[in-house]
Amino acid sequence: MQGTVTMYSTTWCGYCRRLKSQLDREGIAYTEINIEQDPDSAAFVEKANGGNQTVPTVRVVPSVGGDEVVMTNPSLAQVKQALAV
């Protein structure tokens, strides 16, 4: 699988920790951004989630074709599917 995965998270988010461990186990590379330390990323997450800072918010950009996908609290299967486009 190729493409880029960006996970917007916080240090205290259990759902974020779970998804990170699943991505690590599957060998899926990702960039993690703590929205508490990055106001621009916090604004992106708010825009994607109707004004809420809901994490994990994941942005997937497939390397070949397909459009950028932004998902809130996705499953591992959803991330893999977005990368496979």
PDB file of N, CA and C in Angstrom:
ATOM      1  N   MET A   1       0.837  -1.183   0.000  1.00  0.00           N
ATOM      2  CA  MET A   1       0.000   0.000   0.000  1.00  0.00           C
ATOM      3  C   MET A   1       0.874   1.235   0.000  1.00  0.00           C
ATOM      4  N   GLN A   2       0.398   2.231  -0.693  1.00  0.00           N
ATOM      5  CA  GLN A   2       1.130   3.482  -0.744  1.00  0.00           C
ATOM      6  C   GLN A   2       0.172   4.611  -0.457  1.00  0.00           C
ATOM      7  N   GLY A   3       0.682   5.815  -0.517  1.00  0.00           N
ATOM      8  CA  GLY A   3      -0.112   6.971  -0.180  1.00  0.00           C
ATOM      9  C   GLY A   3       0.347   7.513   1.156  1.00  0.00           C
ATOM     10  N   THR A   4      -0.320   8.558   1.616  1.00  0.00           N
ATOM     11  CA  THR A   4       0.059   9.136   2.892  1.00  0.00           C
ATOM     12  C   THR A   4      -1.121   9.104   3.853  1.00  0.00           C
ATOM     13  N   VAL A   5      -0.798   8.832   5.098  1.00  0.00           N
ATOM     14  CA  VAL A   5      -1.795   8.813   6.160  1.00  0.00           C
ATOM     15  C   VAL A   5      -1.347   9.831   7.205  1.00  0.00           C
ATOM     16  N   THR A   6      -2.237  10.748   7.540  1.00  0.00           N
ATOM     17  CA  THR A   6      -1.971  11.707   8.606  1.00  0.00           C
ATOM     18  C   THR A   6      -3.037  11.519   9.671  1.00  0.00           C
ATOM     19  N   MET A   7      -2.599  11.295  10.905  1.00  0.00           N
ATOM     20  CA  MET A   7      -3.533  11.123  12.011  1.00  0.00           C
ATOM     21  C   MET A   7      -3.445  12.351  12.917  1.00  0.00           C
ATOM     22  N   TYR A   8      -4.577  12.989  13.090  1.00  0.00           N
ATOM     23  CA  TYR A   8      -4.683  14.118  14.007  1.00  0.00           C
ATOM     24  C   TYR A   8      -5.187  13.552  15.329  1.00  0.00           C
ATOM     25  N   SER A   9      -4.431  13.797  16.405  1.00  0.00           N
ATOM     26  CA  SER A   9      -4.724  13.132  17.669  1.00  0.00           C
ATOM     27  C   SER A   9      -4.412  14.043  18.848  1.00  0.00           C
ATOM     28  N   THR A  10      -4.585  13.484  20.045  1.00  0.00           N
ATOM     29  CA  THR A  10      -4.149  14.108  21.293  1.00  0.00           C
ATOM     30  C   THR A  10      -3.436  13.032  22.106  1.00  0.00           C
ATOM     31  N   THR A  11      -2.715  13.450  23.122  1.00  0.00           N
ATOM     32  CA  THR A  11      -1.964  12.489  23.931  1.00  0.00           C
ATOM     33  C   THR A  11      -2.885  11.627  24.780  1.00  0.00           C
ATOM     34  N   TRP A  12      -4.071  12.117  25.122  1.00  0.00           N
ATOM     35  CA  TRP A  12      -4.973  11.424  26.048  1.00  0.00           C
ATOM     36  C   TRP A  12      -6.028  10.569  25.358  1.00  0.00           C
ATOM     37  N   CYS A  13      -6.016  10.507  24.037  1.00  0.00           N
ATOM     38  CA  CYS A  13      -7.080   9.838  23.274  1.00  0.00           C
ATOM     39  C   CYS A  13      -6.831   8.328  23.168  1.00  0.00           C
ATOM     40  N   GLY A  14      -7.699   7.542  23.832  1.00  0.00           N
ATOM     41  CA  GLY A  14      -7.579   6.090  23.758  1.00  0.00           C
ATOM     42  C   GLY A  14      -7.831   5.532  22.377  1.00  0.00           C
ATOM     43  N   TYR A  15      -8.783   6.116  21.645  1.00  0.00           N
ATOM     44  CA  TYR A  15      -9.064   5.657  20.275  1.00  0.00           C
ATOM     45  C   TYR A  15      -7.855   5.894  19.377  1.00  0.00           C
ATOM     46  N   CYS A  16      -7.150   7.000  19.628  1.00  0.00           N
ATOM     47  CA  CYS A  16      -5.939   7.290  18.851  1.00  0.00           C
ATOM     48  C   CYS A  16      -4.864   6.245  19.120  1.00  0.00           C
ATOM     49  N   ARG A  17      -4.662   5.919  20.394  1.00  0.00           N
ATOM     50  CA  ARG A  17      -3.657   4.910  20.749  1.00  0.00           C
ATOM     51  C   ARG A  17      -3.986   3.567  20.113  1.00  0.00           C
ATOM     52  N   ARG A  18      -5.262   3.193  20.122  1.00  0.00           N
ATOM     53  CA  ARG A  18      -5.662   1.917  19.533  1.00  0.00           C
ATOM     54  C   ARG A  18      -5.372   1.901  18.030  1.00  0.00           C
ATOM     55  N   LEU A  19      -5.766   2.962  17.323  1.00  0.00           N
ATOM     56  CA  LEU A  19      -5.545   2.992  15.876  1.00  0.00           C
ATOM     57  C   LEU A  19      -4.050   3.028  15.554  1.00  0.00           C
ATOM     58  N   LYS A  20      -3.262   3.765  16.333  1.00  0.00           N
ATOM     59  CA  LYS A  20      -1.815   3.800  16.105  1.00  0.00           C
ATOM     60  C   LYS A  20      -1.214   2.403  16.246  1.00  0.00           C
ATOM     61  N   SER A  21      -1.629   1.662  17.271  1.00  0.00           N
ATOM     62  CA  SER A  21      -1.062   0.321  17.453  1.00  0.00           C
ATOM     63  C   SER A  21      -1.470  -0.594  16.301  1.00  0.00           C
ATOM     64  N   GLN A  22      -2.692  -0.438  15.802  1.00  0.00           N
ATOM     65  CA  GLN A  22      -3.142  -1.255  14.667  1.00  0.00           C
ATOM     66  C   GLN A  22      -2.355  -0.903  13.405  1.00  0.00           C
ATOM     67  N   LEU A  23      -2.144   0.378  13.151  1.00  0.00           N
ATOM     68  CA  LEU A  23      -1.371   0.796  11.975  1.00  0.00           C
ATOM     69  C   LEU A  23       0.067   0.292  12.085  1.00  0.00           C
ATOM     70  N   ASP A  24       0.642   0.411  13.285  1.00  0.00           N
ATOM     71  CA  ASP A  24       2.014  -0.077  13.492  1.00  0.00           C
ATOM     72  C   ASP A  24       2.096  -1.579  13.217  1.00  0.00           C
ATOM     73  N   ARG A  25       1.140  -2.330  13.744  1.00  0.00           N
ATOM     74  CA  ARG A  25       1.133  -3.784  13.574  1.00  0.00           C
ATOM     75  C   ARG A  25       1.034  -4.166  12.097  1.00  0.00           C
ATOM     76  N   GLU A  26       0.277  -3.387  11.331  1.00  0.00           N
ATOM     77  CA  GLU A  26       0.091  -3.679   9.899  1.00  0.00           C
ATOM     78  C   GLU A  26       1.200  -3.089   9.027  1.00  0.00           C
ATOM     79  N   GLY A  27       2.111  -2.345   9.642  1.00  0.00           N
ATOM     80  CA  GLY A  27       3.213  -1.750   8.877  1.00  0.00           C
ATOM     81  C   GLY A  27       2.781  -0.574   8.013  1.00  0.00           C
ATOM     82  N   ILE A  28       1.711   0.103   8.400  1.00  0.00           N
ATOM     83  CA  ILE A  28       1.225   1.259   7.640  1.00  0.00           C
ATOM     84  C   ILE A  28       1.845   2.514   8.244  1.00  0.00           C
ATOM     85  N   ALA A  29       2.627   3.203   7.432  1.00  0.00           N
ATOM     86  CA  ALA A  29       3.290   4.420   7.894  1.00  0.00           C
ATOM     87  C   ALA A  29       2.272   5.556   8.000  1.00  0.00           C
ATOM     88  N   TYR A  30       2.472   6.409   8.991  1.00  0.00           N
ATOM     89  CA  TYR A  30       1.582   7.554   9.174  1.00  0.00           C
ATOM     90  C   TYR A  30       2.349   8.679   9.858  1.00  0.00           C
ATOM     91  N   THR A  31       1.839   9.866   9.696  1.00  0.00           N
ATOM     92  CA  THR A  31       2.352  11.032  10.404  1.00  0.00           C
ATOM     93  C   THR A  31       1.324  11.397  11.449  1.00  0.00           C
ATOM     94  N   GLU A  32       1.768  11.588  12.672  1.00  0.00           N
ATOM     95  CA  GLU A  32       0.849  11.954  13.747  1.00  0.00           C
ATOM     96  C   GLU A  32       1.034  13.420  14.104  1.00  0.00           C
ATOM     97  N   ILE A  33      -0.086  14.134  14.219  1.00  0.00           N
ATOM     98  CA  ILE A  33      -0.046  15.545  14.594  1.00  0.00           C
ATOM     99  C   ILE A  33      -0.932  15.732  15.815  1.00  0.00           C
ATOM    100  N   ASN A  34      -0.342  16.259  16.886  1.00  0.00           N
ATOM    101  CA  ASN A  34      -1.075  16.536  18.120  1.00  0.00           C
ATOM    102  C   ASN A  34      -1.784  17.875  17.951  1.00  0.00           C
ATOM    103  N   ILE A  35      -3.110  17.858  17.898  1.00  0.00           N
ATOM    104  CA  ILE A  35      -3.859  19.097  17.642  1.00  0.00           C
ATOM    105  C   ILE A  35      -3.779  20.071  18.817  1.00  0.00           C
ATOM    106  N   GLU A  36      -3.373  19.593  19.985  1.00  0.00           N
ATOM    107  CA  GLU A  36      -3.215  20.491  21.132  1.00  0.00           C
ATOM    108  C   GLU A  36      -1.954  21.341  21.006  1.00  0.00           C
ATOM    109  N   GLN A  37      -1.054  20.940  20.120  1.00  0.00           N
ATOM    110  CA  GLN A  37       0.200  21.673  19.923  1.00  0.00           C
ATOM    111  C   GLN A  37       0.270  22.359  18.565  1.00  0.00           C
ATOM    112  N   ASP A  38      -0.763  22.203  17.746  1.00  0.00           N
ATOM    113  CA  ASP A  38      -0.746  22.748  16.384  1.00  0.00           C
ATOM    114  C   ASP A  38      -2.102  23.372  16.069  1.00  0.00           C
ATOM    115  N   PRO A  39      -2.241  24.687  16.269  1.00  0.00           N
ATOM    116  CA  PRO A  39      -3.535  25.349  16.061  1.00  0.00           C
ATOM    117  C   PRO A  39      -4.094  25.180  14.641  1.00  0.00           C
ATOM    118  N   ASP A  40      -3.239  25.164  13.624  1.00  0.00           N
ATOM    119  CA  ASP A  40      -3.727  24.988  12.254  1.00  0.00           C
ATOM    120  C   ASP A  40      -4.357  23.608  12.077  1.00  0.00           C
ATOM    121  N   SER A  41      -3.746  22.589  12.659  1.00  0.00           N
ATOM    122  CA  SER A  41      -4.307  21.244  12.572  1.00  0.00           C
ATOM    123  C   SER A  41      -5.596  21.136  13.374  1.00  0.00           C
ATOM    124  N   ALA A  42      -5.649  21.805  14.522  1.00  0.00           N
ATOM    125  CA  ALA A  42      -6.884  21.815  15.314  1.00  0.00           C
ATOM    126  C   ALA A  42      -8.013  22.443  14.504  1.00  0.00           C
ATOM    127  N   ALA A  43      -7.706  23.507  13.760  1.00  0.00           N
ATOM    128  CA  ALA A  43      -8.717  24.158  12.915  1.00  0.00           C
ATOM    129  C   ALA A  43      -9.172  23.226  11.795  1.00  0.00           C
ATOM    130  N   PHE A  44      -8.240  22.456  11.211  1.00  0.00           N
ATOM    131  CA  PHE A  44      -8.598  21.486  10.177  1.00  0.00           C
ATOM    132  C   PHE A  44      -9.554  20.442  10.740  1.00  0.00           C
ATOM    133  N   VAL A  45      -9.243  19.921  11.925  1.00  0.00           N
ATOM    134  CA  VAL A  45     -10.078  18.898  12.557  1.00  0.00           C
ATOM    135  C   VAL A  45     -11.466  19.466  12.858  1.00  0.00           C
ATOM    136  N   GLU A  46     -11.529  20.683  13.347  1.00  0.00           N
ATOM    137  CA  GLU A  46     -12.824  21.322  13.615  1.00  0.00           C
ATOM    138  C   GLU A  46     -13.644  21.456  12.334  1.00  0.00           C
ATOM    139  N   LYS A  47     -12.989  21.878  11.273  1.00  0.00           N
ATOM    140  CA  LYS A  47     -13.692  22.051   9.990  1.00  0.00           C
ATOM    141  C   LYS A  47     -14.220  20.711   9.480  1.00  0.00           C
ATOM    142  N   ALA A  48     -13.442  19.647   9.661  1.00  0.00           N
ATOM    143  CA  ALA A  48     -13.834  18.320   9.181  1.00  0.00           C
ATOM    144  C   ALA A  48     -14.933  17.691  10.033  1.00  0.00           C
ATOM    145  N   ASN A  49     -15.112  18.201  11.251  1.00  0.00           N
ATOM    146  CA  ASN A  49     -16.035  17.573  12.191  1.00  0.00           C
ATOM    147  C   ASN A  49     -17.096  18.533  12.727  1.00  0.00           C
ATOM    148  N   GLY A  50     -17.569  19.419  11.881  1.00  0.00           N
ATOM    149  CA  GLY A  50     -18.671  20.286  12.256  1.00  0.00           C
ATOM    150  C   GLY A  50     -18.394  21.166  13.462  1.00  0.00           C
ATOM    151  N   GLY A  51     -17.146  21.617  13.603  1.00  0.00           N
ATOM    152  CA  GLY A  51     -16.789  22.509  14.695  1.00  0.00           C
ATOM    153  C   GLY A  51     -16.246  21.804  15.925  1.00  0.00           C
ATOM    154  N   ASN A  52     -16.197  20.481  15.907  1.00  0.00           N
ATOM    155  CA  ASN A  52     -15.708  19.715  17.056  1.00  0.00           C
ATOM    156  C   ASN A  52     -14.269  19.244  16.836  1.00  0.00           C
ATOM    157  N   GLN A  53     -13.514  19.186  17.915  1.00  0.00           N
ATOM    158  CA  GLN A  53     -12.147  18.656  17.843  1.00  0.00           C
ATOM    159  C   GLN A  53     -12.188  17.161  18.140  1.00  0.00           C
ATOM    160  N   THR A  54     -12.762  16.398  17.226  1.00  0.00           N
ATOM    161  CA  THR A  54     -12.919  14.959  17.406  1.00  0.00           C
ATOM    162  C   THR A  54     -11.688  14.234  16.869  1.00  0.00           C
ATOM    163  N   VAL A  55     -11.086  13.404  17.703  1.00  0.00           N
ATOM    164  CA  VAL A  55      -9.912  12.637  17.301  1.00  0.00           C
ATOM    165  C   VAL A  55     -10.143  11.157  17.605  1.00  0.00           C
ATOM    166  N   PRO A  56      -9.506  10.258  16.869  1.00  0.00           N
ATOM    167  CA  PRO A  56      -8.619  10.584  15.765  1.00  0.00           C
ATOM    168  C   PRO A  56      -9.391  10.996  14.513  1.00  0.00           C
ATOM    169  N   THR A  57      -8.880  12.023  13.870  1.00  0.00           N
ATOM    170  CA  THR A  57      -9.316  12.370  12.525  1.00  0.00           C
ATOM    171  C   THR A  57      -8.152  11.980  11.625  1.00  0.00           C
ATOM    172  N   VAL A  58      -8.445  11.243  10.566  1.00  0.00           N
ATOM    173  CA  VAL A  58      -7.397  10.693   9.702  1.00  0.00           C
ATOM    174  C   VAL A  58      -7.598  11.197   8.284  1.00  0.00           C
ATOM    175  N   ARG A  59      -6.517  11.704   7.704  1.00  0.00           N
ATOM    176  CA  ARG A  59      -6.516  12.150   6.304  1.00  0.00           C
ATOM    177  C   ARG A  59      -5.678  11.156   5.513  1.00  0.00           C
ATOM    178  N   VAL A  60      -6.282  10.580   4.467  1.00  0.00           N
ATOM    179  CA  VAL A  60      -5.580   9.630   3.606  1.00  0.00           C
ATOM    180  C   VAL A  60      -5.535  10.205   2.196  1.00  0.00           C
ATOM    181  N   VAL A  61      -4.324  10.258   1.638  1.00  0.00           N
ATOM    182  CA  VAL A  61      -4.147  10.690   0.255  1.00  0.00           C
ATOM    183  C   VAL A  61      -3.553   9.508  -0.503  1.00  0.00           C
ATOM    184  N   PRO A  62      -4.363   8.845  -1.353  1.00  0.00           N
ATOM    185  CA  PRO A  62      -3.840   7.715  -2.128  1.00  0.00           C
ATOM    186  C   PRO A  62      -2.738   8.190  -3.074  1.00  0.00           C
ATOM    187  N   SER A  63      -1.762   7.326  -3.331  1.00  0.00           N
ATOM    188  CA  SER A  63      -0.657   7.726  -4.206  1.00  0.00           C
ATOM    189  C   SER A  63      -1.037   7.666  -5.676  1.00  0.00           C
ATOM    190  N   VAL A  64      -1.987   6.814  -6.023  1.00  0.00           N
ATOM    191  CA  VAL A  64      -2.379   6.669  -7.426  1.00  0.00           C
ATOM    192  C   VAL A  64      -3.877   6.900  -7.548  1.00  0.00           C
ATOM    193  N   GLY A  65      -4.250   7.979  -8.217  1.00  0.00           N
ATOM    194  CA  GLY A  65      -5.672   8.243  -8.416  1.00  0.00           C
ATOM    195  C   GLY A  65      -6.410   8.407  -7.118  1.00  0.00           C
ATOM    196  N   GLY A  66      -7.697   8.578  -7.226  1.00  0.00           N
ATOM    197  CA  GLY A  66      -8.508   8.720  -6.025  1.00  0.00           C
ATOM    198  C   GLY A  66      -8.352  10.082  -5.390  1.00  0.00           C
ATOM    199  N   ASP A  67      -9.302  10.423  -4.571  1.00  0.00           N
ATOM    200  CA  ASP A  67      -9.314  11.707  -3.899  1.00  0.00           C
ATOM    201  C   ASP A  67      -8.904  11.535  -2.446  1.00  0.00           C
ATOM    202  N   GLU A  68      -8.490  12.634  -1.856  1.00  0.00           N
ATOM    203  CA  GLU A  68      -8.196  12.658  -0.432  1.00  0.00           C
ATOM    204  C   GLU A  68      -9.443  12.240   0.344  1.00  0.00           C
ATOM    205  N   VAL A  69      -9.244  11.441   1.383  1.00  0.00           N
ATOM    206  CA  VAL A  69     -10.344  10.982   2.227  1.00  0.00           C
ATOM    207  C   VAL A  69     -10.046  11.440   3.652  1.00  0.00           C
ATOM    208  N   VAL A  70     -11.042  12.054   4.300  1.00  0.00           N
ATOM    209  CA  VAL A  70     -10.910  12.444   5.694  1.00  0.00           C
ATOM    210  C   VAL A  70     -11.957  11.670   6.490  1.00  0.00           C
ATOM    211  N   MET A  71     -11.502  10.950   7.525  1.00  0.00           N
ATOM    212  CA  MET A  71     -12.387  10.091   8.313  1.00  0.00           C
ATOM    213  C   MET A  71     -12.221  10.411   9.800  1.00  0.00           C
ATOM    214  N   THR A  72     -13.316  10.281  10.524  1.00  0.00           N
ATOM    215  CA  THR A  72     -13.283  10.474  11.964  1.00  0.00           C
ATOM    216  C   THR A  72     -13.389   9.128  12.656  1.00  0.00           C
ATOM    217  N   ASN A  73     -12.420   8.850  13.517  1.00  0.00           N
ATOM    218  CA  ASN A  73     -12.347   7.592  14.265  1.00  0.00           C
ATOM    219  C   ASN A  73     -12.567   6.376  13.354  1.00  0.00           C
ATOM    220  N   PRO A  74     -11.755   6.270  12.280  1.00  0.00           N
ATOM    221  CA  PRO A  74     -11.948   5.146  11.356  1.00  0.00           C
ATOM    222  C   PRO A  74     -11.411   3.839  11.925  1.00  0.00           C
ATOM    223  N   SER A  75     -11.910   2.752  11.377  1.00  0.00           N
ATOM    224  CA  SER A  75     -11.354   1.440  11.693  1.00  0.00           C
ATOM    225  C   SER A  75     -10.101   1.230  10.843  1.00  0.00           C
ATOM    226  N   LEU A  76      -9.305   0.242  11.219  1.00  0.00           N
ATOM    227  CA  LEU A  76      -8.136  -0.112  10.419  1.00  0.00           C
ATOM    228  C   LEU A  76      -8.563  -0.471   9.003  1.00  0.00           C
ATOM    229  N   ALA A  77      -9.667  -1.203   8.872  1.00  0.00           N
ATOM    230  CA  ALA A  77     -10.156  -1.605   7.543  1.00  0.00           C
ATOM    231  C   ALA A  77     -10.498  -0.386   6.693  1.00  0.00           C
ATOM    232  N   GLN A  78     -11.077   0.643   7.299  1.00  0.00           N
ATOM    233  CA  GLN A  78     -11.423   1.849   6.544  1.00  0.00           C
ATOM    234  C   GLN A  78     -10.159   2.565   6.052  1.00  0.00           C
ATOM    235  N   VAL A  79      -9.131   2.611   6.878  1.00  0.00           N
ATOM    236  CA  VAL A  79      -7.871   3.245   6.462  1.00  0.00           C
ATOM    237  C   VAL A  79      -7.255   2.457   5.314  1.00  0.00           C
ATOM    238  N   LYS A  80      -7.233   1.136   5.451  1.00  0.00           N
ATOM    239  CA  LYS A  80      -6.678   0.299   4.372  1.00  0.00           C
ATOM    240  C   LYS A  80      -7.455   0.481   3.073  1.00  0.00           C
ATOM    241  N   GLN A  81      -8.779   0.549   3.180  1.00  0.00           N
ATOM    242  CA  GLN A  81      -9.605   0.728   1.985  1.00  0.00           C
ATOM    243  C   GLN A  81      -9.306   2.070   1.319  1.00  0.00           C
ATOM    244  N   ALA A  82      -9.152   3.116   2.107  1.00  0.00           N
ATOM    245  CA  ALA A  82      -8.866   4.442   1.547  1.00  0.00           C
ATOM    246  C   ALA A  82      -7.510   4.457   0.855  1.00  0.00           C
ATOM    247  N   LEU A  83      -6.537   3.717   1.390  1.00  0.00           N
ATOM    248  CA  LEU A  83      -5.226   3.642   0.763  1.00  0.00           C
ATOM    249  C   LEU A  83      -5.252   2.834  -0.531  1.00  0.00           C
ATOM    250  N   ALA A  84      -6.164   1.910  -0.629  1.00  0.00           N
ATOM    251  CA  ALA A  84      -6.220   0.990  -1.780  1.00  0.00           C
ATOM    252  C   ALA A  84      -6.875   1.602  -2.999  1.00  0.00           C
ATOM    253  N   VAL A  85      -7.433   2.788  -2.886  1.00  0.00           N
ATOM    254  CA  VAL A  85      -8.138   3.419  -4.015  1.00  0.00           C
ATOM    255  C   VAL A  85      -7.200   3.617  -5.164  1.00  0.00           C
TER     256      VAL A  85
END
